[in-house]
Amino acid sequence: GNKYLAWAFVEAAHFAIRYNAKINSYSQRKKAKTKGVVAIKAVAHKLCRASYYIMRDRVAFDVTKAFGQK
């Protein structure tokens, strides 16, 4: 895809990990299994998919839908 859009979602993933506890715990679980860069990209990908469905369905962001119940 677009390298600038990918960069923007990686930056959004950094902020989401810093300020949201559920996203941070998801990132920590991913880091335990893989490398840190892969965990960041996984969060960025989930945020990208969530933003698509937010725009398509015109709903508010629900962290439990994107990152699970834990």
PDB file of N, CA and C in Angstrom:
ATOM      1  N   GLY A   1       0.788  -1.180   0.000  1.00  0.00           N
ATOM      2  CA  GLY A   1       0.000   0.000   0.000  1.00  0.00           C
ATOM      3  C   GLY A   1       0.839   1.255   0.000  1.00  0.00           C
ATOM      4  N   ASN A   2       0.236   2.265   0.493  1.00  0.00           N
ATOM      5  CA  ASN A   2       0.829   3.578   0.554  1.00  0.00           C
ATOM      6  C   ASN A   2       1.782   3.667   1.748  1.00  0.00           C
ATOM      7  N   LYS A   3       3.048   3.993   1.510  1.00  0.00           N
ATOM      8  CA  LYS A   3       4.028   4.003   2.600  1.00  0.00           C
ATOM      9  C   LYS A   3       3.748   5.111   3.604  1.00  0.00           C
ATOM     10  N   TYR A   4       3.163   6.228   3.167  1.00  0.00           N
ATOM     11  CA  TYR A   4       2.857   7.310   4.093  1.00  0.00           C
ATOM     12  C   TYR A   4       1.658   6.968   4.968  1.00  0.00           C
ATOM     13  N   LEU A   5       0.692   6.271   4.399  1.00  0.00           N
ATOM     14  CA  LEU A   5      -0.457   5.832   5.179  1.00  0.00           C
ATOM     15  C   LEU A   5      -0.043   4.763   6.177  1.00  0.00           C
ATOM     16  N   ALA A   6       0.851   3.877   5.778  1.00  0.00           N
ATOM     17  CA  ALA A   6       1.370   2.864   6.697  1.00  0.00           C
ATOM     18  C   ALA A   6       2.126   3.516   7.843  1.00  0.00           C
ATOM     19  N   TRP A   7       2.913   4.537   7.540  1.00  0.00           N
ATOM     20  CA  TRP A   7       3.639   5.266   8.582  1.00  0.00           C
ATOM     21  C   TRP A   7       2.664   5.928   9.553  1.00  0.00           C
ATOM     22  N   ALA A   8       1.586   6.498   9.032  1.00  0.00           N
ATOM     23  CA  ALA A   8       0.608   7.172   9.887  1.00  0.00           C
ATOM     24  C   ALA A   8      -0.055   6.179  10.840  1.00  0.00           C
ATOM     25  N   PHE A   9      -0.366   4.988  10.363  1.00  0.00           N
ATOM     26  CA  PHE A   9      -0.990   3.993  11.243  1.00  0.00           C
ATOM     27  C   PHE A   9       0.005   3.435  12.247  1.00  0.00           C
ATOM     28  N   VAL A  10       1.274   3.357  11.901  1.00  0.00           N
ATOM     29  CA  VAL A  10       2.280   2.932  12.870  1.00  0.00           C
ATOM     30  C   VAL A  10       2.415   3.991  13.965  1.00  0.00           C
ATOM     31  N   GLU A  11       2.386   5.256  13.591  1.00  0.00           N
ATOM     32  CA  GLU A  11       2.414   6.322  14.597  1.00  0.00           C
ATOM     33  C   GLU A  11       1.173   6.261  15.480  1.00  0.00           C
ATOM     34  N   ALA A  12       0.019   6.019  14.879  1.00  0.00           N
ATOM     35  CA  ALA A  12      -1.214   5.890  15.663  1.00  0.00           C
ATOM     36  C   ALA A  12      -1.131   4.693  16.604  1.00  0.00           C
ATOM     37  N   ALA A  13      -0.468   3.624  16.155  1.00  0.00           N
ATOM     38  CA  ALA A  13      -0.303   2.442  17.004  1.00  0.00           C
ATOM     39  C   ALA A  13       0.568   2.761  18.205  1.00  0.00           C
ATOM     40  N   HIS A  14       1.616   3.545  18.016  1.00  0.00           N
ATOM     41  CA  HIS A  14       2.473   3.942  19.132  1.00  0.00           C
ATOM     42  C   HIS A  14       1.676   4.714  20.178  1.00  0.00           C
ATOM     43  N   PHE A  15       0.863   5.658  19.734  1.00  0.00           N
ATOM     44  CA  PHE A  15       0.057   6.434  20.666  1.00  0.00           C
ATOM     45  C   PHE A  15      -1.011   5.569  21.332  1.00  0.00           C
ATOM     46  N   ALA A  16      -1.616   4.672  20.572  1.00  0.00           N
ATOM     47  CA  ALA A  16      -2.648   3.804  21.140  1.00  0.00           C
ATOM     48  C   ALA A  16      -2.061   2.886  22.209  1.00  0.00           C
ATOM     49  N   ILE A  17      -0.874   2.362  21.967  1.00  0.00           N
ATOM     50  CA  ILE A  17      -0.223   1.492  22.947  1.00  0.00           C
ATOM     51  C   ILE A  17       0.107   2.284  24.201  1.00  0.00           C
ATOM     52  N   ARG A  18       0.510   3.511  24.038  1.00  0.00           N
ATOM     53  CA  ARG A  18       0.892   4.334  25.188  1.00  0.00           C
ATOM     54  C   ARG A  18      -0.309   4.719  26.051  1.00  0.00           C
ATOM     55  N   TYR A  19      -1.458   5.003  25.432  1.00  0.00           N
ATOM     56  CA  TYR A  19      -2.573   5.590  26.165  1.00  0.00           C
ATOM     57  C   TYR A  19      -3.770   4.662  26.391  1.00  0.00           C
ATOM     58  N   ASN A  20      -3.765   3.452  25.853  1.00  0.00           N
ATOM     59  CA  ASN A  20      -4.888   2.545  26.054  1.00  0.00           C
ATOM     60  C   ASN A  20      -4.373   1.245  26.655  1.00  0.00           C
ATOM     61  N   ALA A  21      -4.922   0.859  27.776  1.00  0.00           N
ATOM     62  CA  ALA A  21      -4.445  -0.326  28.501  1.00  0.00           C
ATOM     63  C   ALA A  21      -4.719  -1.623  27.745  1.00  0.00           C
ATOM     64  N   LYS A  22      -5.882  -1.736  27.108  1.00  0.00           N
ATOM     65  CA  LYS A  22      -6.201  -2.970  26.383  1.00  0.00           C
ATOM     66  C   LYS A  22      -5.290  -3.153  25.171  1.00  0.00           C
ATOM     67  N   ILE A  23      -5.033  -2.086  24.472  1.00  0.00           N
ATOM     68  CA  ILE A  23      -4.147  -2.165  23.307  1.00  0.00           C
ATOM     69  C   ILE A  23      -2.720  -2.451  23.758  1.00  0.00           C
ATOM     70  N   ASN A  24      -2.327  -1.876  24.876  1.00  0.00           N
ATOM     71  CA  ASN A  24      -0.992  -2.131  25.419  1.00  0.00           C
ATOM     72  C   ASN A  24      -0.838  -3.598  25.811  1.00  0.00           C
ATOM     73  N   SER A  25      -1.849  -4.178  26.437  1.00  0.00           N
ATOM     74  CA  SER A  25      -1.745  -5.594  26.821  1.00  0.00           C
ATOM     75  C   SER A  25      -1.706  -6.493  25.588  1.00  0.00           C
ATOM     76  N   TYR A  26      -2.467  -6.132  24.542  1.00  0.00           N
ATOM     77  CA  TYR A  26      -2.405  -6.900  23.290  1.00  0.00           C
ATOM     78  C   TYR A  26      -0.998  -6.829  22.696  1.00  0.00           C
ATOM     79  N   SER A  27      -0.422  -5.631  22.708  1.00  0.00           N
ATOM     80  CA  SER A  27       0.925  -5.451  22.171  1.00  0.00           C
ATOM     81  C   SER A  27       1.949  -6.252  22.970  1.00  0.00           C
ATOM     82  N   GLN A  28       1.818  -6.273  24.274  1.00  0.00           N
ATOM     83  CA  GLN A  28       2.745  -7.037  25.110  1.00  0.00           C
ATOM     84  C   GLN A  28       2.639  -8.527  24.828  1.00  0.00           C
ATOM     85  N   ARG A  29       1.419  -9.014  24.617  1.00  0.00           N
ATOM     86  CA  ARG A  29       1.245 -10.436  24.274  1.00  0.00           C
ATOM     87  C   ARG A  29       1.900 -10.757  22.935  1.00  0.00           C
ATOM     88  N   LYS A  30       1.760  -9.857  21.958  1.00  0.00           N
ATOM     89  CA  LYS A  30       2.389 -10.076  20.655  1.00  0.00           C
ATOM     90  C   LYS A  30       3.914 -10.022  20.757  1.00  0.00           C
ATOM     91  N   LYS A  31       4.435  -9.083  21.568  1.00  0.00           N
ATOM     92  CA  LYS A  31       5.882  -8.960  21.733  1.00  0.00           C
ATOM     93  C   LYS A  31       6.477 -10.192  22.388  1.00  0.00           C
ATOM     94  N   ALA A  32       5.714 -10.844  23.249  1.00  0.00           N
ATOM     95  CA  ALA A  32       6.203 -12.049  23.911  1.00  0.00           C
ATOM     96  C   ALA A  32       6.385 -13.190  22.914  1.00  0.00           C
ATOM     97  N   LYS A  33       5.586 -13.186  21.849  1.00  0.00           N
ATOM     98  CA  LYS A  33       5.659 -14.267  20.864  1.00  0.00           C
ATOM     99  C   LYS A  33       6.545 -13.938  19.667  1.00  0.00           C
ATOM    100  N   THR A  34       6.620 -12.646  19.302  1.00  0.00           N
ATOM    101  CA  THR A  34       7.369 -12.246  18.108  1.00  0.00           C
ATOM    102  C   THR A  34       8.253 -11.045  18.451  1.00  0.00           C
ATOM    103  N   LYS A  35       8.780 -10.410  17.425  1.00  0.00           N
ATOM    104  CA  LYS A  35       9.599  -9.209  17.610  1.00  0.00           C
ATOM    105  C   LYS A  35       8.708  -7.994  17.857  1.00  0.00           C
ATOM    106  N   GLY A  36       9.300  -6.950  18.406  1.00  0.00           N
ATOM    107  CA  GLY A  36       8.560  -5.739  18.719  1.00  0.00           C
ATOM    108  C   GLY A  36       7.986  -5.042  17.503  1.00  0.00           C
ATOM    109  N   VAL A  37       8.726  -5.065  16.398  1.00  0.00           N
ATOM    110  CA  VAL A  37       8.261  -4.418  15.171  1.00  0.00           C
ATOM    111  C   VAL A  37       7.008  -5.116  14.646  1.00  0.00           C
ATOM    112  N   VAL A  38       6.974  -6.419  14.755  1.00  0.00           N
ATOM    113  CA  VAL A  38       5.814  -7.184  14.301  1.00  0.00           C
ATOM    114  C   VAL A  38       4.602  -6.847  15.158  1.00  0.00           C
ATOM    115  N   ALA A  39       4.815  -6.654  16.454  1.00  0.00           N
ATOM    116  CA  ALA A  39       3.719  -6.291  17.353  1.00  0.00           C
ATOM    117  C   ALA A  39       3.158  -4.919  17.004  1.00  0.00           C
ATOM    118  N   ILE A  40       4.031  -3.968  16.708  1.00  0.00           N
ATOM    119  CA  ILE A  40       3.578  -2.629  16.327  1.00  0.00           C
ATOM    120  C   ILE A  40       2.786  -2.679  15.032  1.00  0.00           C
ATOM    121  N   LYS A  41       3.289  -3.432  14.062  1.00  0.00           N
ATOM    122  CA  LYS A  41       2.587  -3.542  12.777  1.00  0.00           C
ATOM    123  C   LYS A  41       1.248  -4.246  12.939  1.00  0.00           C
ATOM    124  N   ALA A  42       1.147  -5.194  13.862  1.00  0.00           N
ATOM    125  CA  ALA A  42      -0.123  -5.877  14.109  1.00  0.00           C
ATOM    126  C   ALA A  42      -1.146  -4.907  14.692  1.00  0.00           C
ATOM    127  N   VAL A  43      -0.716  -4.073  15.625  1.00  0.00           N
ATOM    128  CA  VAL A  43      -1.613  -3.066  16.187  1.00  0.00           C
ATOM    129  C   VAL A  43      -2.018  -2.072  15.104  1.00  0.00           C
ATOM    130  N   ALA A  44      -1.074  -1.652  14.285  1.00  0.00           N
ATOM    131  CA  ALA A  44      -1.374  -0.716  13.204  1.00  0.00           C
ATOM    132  C   ALA A  44      -2.380  -1.319  12.228  1.00  0.00           C
ATOM    133  N   HIS A  45      -2.226  -2.587  11.937  1.00  0.00           N
ATOM    134  CA  HIS A  45      -3.151  -3.258  11.014  1.00  0.00           C
ATOM    135  C   HIS A  45      -4.553  -3.331  11.615  1.00  0.00           C
ATOM    136  N   LYS A  46      -4.633  -3.644  12.894  1.00  0.00           N
ATOM    137  CA  LYS A  46      -5.942  -3.685  13.547  1.00  0.00           C
ATOM    138  C   LYS A  46      -6.591  -2.305  13.573  1.00  0.00           C
ATOM    139  N   LEU A  47      -5.801  -1.261  13.817  1.00  0.00           N
ATOM    140  CA  LEU A  47      -6.344   0.094  13.790  1.00  0.00           C
ATOM    141  C   LEU A  47      -6.805   0.480  12.387  1.00  0.00           C
ATOM    142  N   CYS A  48      -6.078   0.032  11.386  1.00  0.00           N
ATOM    143  CA  CYS A  48      -6.449   0.315   9.996  1.00  0.00           C
ATOM    144  C   CYS A  48      -7.781  -0.336   9.650  1.00  0.00           C
ATOM    145  N   ARG A  49      -7.926  -1.603  10.013  1.00  0.00           N
ATOM    146  CA  ARG A  49      -9.196  -2.288   9.748  1.00  0.00           C
ATOM    147  C   ARG A  49     -10.338  -1.658  10.533  1.00  0.00           C
ATOM    148  N   ALA A  50     -10.066  -1.280  11.779  1.00  0.00           N
ATOM    149  CA  ALA A  50     -11.101  -0.649  12.595  1.00  0.00           C
ATOM    150  C   ALA A  50     -11.532   0.677  11.982  1.00  0.00           C
ATOM    151  N   SER A  51     -10.585   1.457  11.489  1.00  0.00           N
ATOM    152  CA  SER A  51     -10.938   2.752  10.901  1.00  0.00           C
ATOM    153  C   SER A  51     -11.772   2.569   9.637  1.00  0.00           C
ATOM    154  N   TYR A  52     -11.510   1.525   8.876  1.00  0.00           N
ATOM    155  CA  TYR A  52     -12.321   1.250   7.693  1.00  0.00           C
ATOM    156  C   TYR A  52     -13.766   0.987   8.088  1.00  0.00           C
ATOM    157  N   TYR A  53     -13.965   0.127   9.089  1.00  0.00           N
ATOM    158  CA  TYR A  53     -15.327  -0.210   9.490  1.00  0.00           C
ATOM    159  C   TYR A  53     -16.013   0.963  10.189  1.00  0.00           C
ATOM    160  N   ILE A  54     -15.270   1.811  10.870  1.00  0.00           N
ATOM    161  CA  ILE A  54     -15.843   3.011  11.475  1.00  0.00           C
ATOM    162  C   ILE A  54     -16.375   3.940  10.394  1.00  0.00           C
ATOM    163  N   MET A  55     -15.597   4.127   9.337  1.00  0.00           N
ATOM    164  CA  MET A  55     -16.035   5.003   8.251  1.00  0.00           C
ATOM    165  C   MET A  55     -17.172   4.380   7.445  1.00  0.00           C
ATOM    166  N   ARG A  56     -17.098   3.065   7.239  1.00  0.00           N
ATOM    167  CA  ARG A  56     -18.132   2.402   6.447  1.00  0.00           C
ATOM    168  C   ARG A  56     -19.474   2.386   7.156  1.00  0.00           C
ATOM    169  N   ASP A  57     -19.455   2.012   8.445  1.00  0.00           N
ATOM    170  CA  ASP A  57     -20.694   1.849   9.193  1.00  0.00           C
ATOM    171  C   ASP A  57     -21.099   3.096   9.970  1.00  0.00           C
ATOM    172  N   ARG A  58     -20.214   4.086  10.038  1.00  0.00           N
ATOM    173  CA  ARG A  58     -20.460   5.338  10.767  1.00  0.00           C
ATOM    174  C   ARG A  58     -20.828   5.071  12.215  1.00  0.00           C
ATOM    175  N   VAL A  59     -19.940   4.341  12.893  1.00  0.00           N
ATOM    176  CA  VAL A  59     -20.114   4.021  14.308  1.00  0.00           C
ATOM    177  C   VAL A  59     -18.900   4.529  15.084  1.00  0.00           C
ATOM    178  N   ALA A  60     -19.023   4.530  16.402  1.00  0.00           N
ATOM    179  CA  ALA A  60     -17.919   4.940  17.262  1.00  0.00           C
ATOM    180  C   ALA A  60     -16.929   3.788  17.424  1.00  0.00           C
ATOM    181  N   PHE A  61     -15.694   4.117  17.781  1.00  0.00           N
ATOM    182  CA  PHE A  61     -14.653   3.113  17.984  1.00  0.00           C
ATOM    183  C   PHE A  61     -14.931   2.337  19.254  1.00  0.00           C
ATOM    184  N   ASP A  62     -14.884   1.018  19.157  1.00  0.00           N
ATOM    185  CA  ASP A  62     -15.058   0.142  20.314  1.00  0.00           C
ATOM    186  C   ASP A  62     -13.811  -0.726  20.414  1.00  0.00           C
ATOM    187  N   VAL A  63     -13.012  -0.489  21.450  1.00  0.00           N
ATOM    188  CA  VAL A  63     -11.729  -1.178  21.581  1.00  0.00           C
ATOM    189  C   VAL A  63     -11.922  -2.679  21.777  1.00  0.00           C
ATOM    190  N   THR A  64     -13.019  -3.094  22.380  1.00  0.00           N
ATOM    191  CA  THR A  64     -13.220  -4.526  22.615  1.00  0.00           C
ATOM    192  C   THR A  64     -13.500  -5.283  21.320  1.00  0.00           C
ATOM    193  N   LYS A  65     -14.077  -4.631  20.339  1.00  0.00           N
ATOM    194  CA  LYS A  65     -14.293  -5.288  19.043  1.00  0.00           C
ATOM    195  C   LYS A  65     -12.981  -5.523  18.318  1.00  0.00           C
ATOM    196  N   ALA A  66     -12.076  -4.567  18.418  1.00  0.00           N
ATOM    197  CA  ALA A  66     -10.815  -4.663  17.671  1.00  0.00           C
ATOM    198  C   ALA A  66      -9.770  -5.498  18.406  1.00  0.00           C
ATOM    199  N   PHE A  67      -9.728  -5.400  19.740  1.00  0.00           N
ATOM    200  CA  PHE A  67      -8.633  -6.017  20.485  1.00  0.00           C
ATOM    201  C   PHE A  67      -9.077  -7.050  21.498  1.00  0.00           C
ATOM    202  N   GLY A  68     -10.309  -7.474  21.449  1.00  0.00           N
ATOM    203  CA  GLY A  68     -10.751  -8.581  22.312  1.00  0.00           C
ATOM    204  C   GLY A  68     -11.296  -8.141  23.647  1.00  0.00           C
ATOM    205  N   GLN A  69     -11.804  -9.108  24.387  1.00  0.00           N
ATOM    206  CA  GLN A  69     -12.471  -8.845  25.655  1.00  0.00           C
ATOM    207  C   GLN A  69     -11.517  -8.733  26.822  1.00  0.00           C
ATOM    208  N   LYS A  70     -10.293  -9.176  26.690  1.00  0.00           N
ATOM    209  CA  LYS A  70      -9.367  -9.240  27.822  1.00  0.00           C
ATOM    210  C   LYS A  70      -8.889  -7.898  28.248  1.00  0.00           C
TER     211      LYS A  70
END
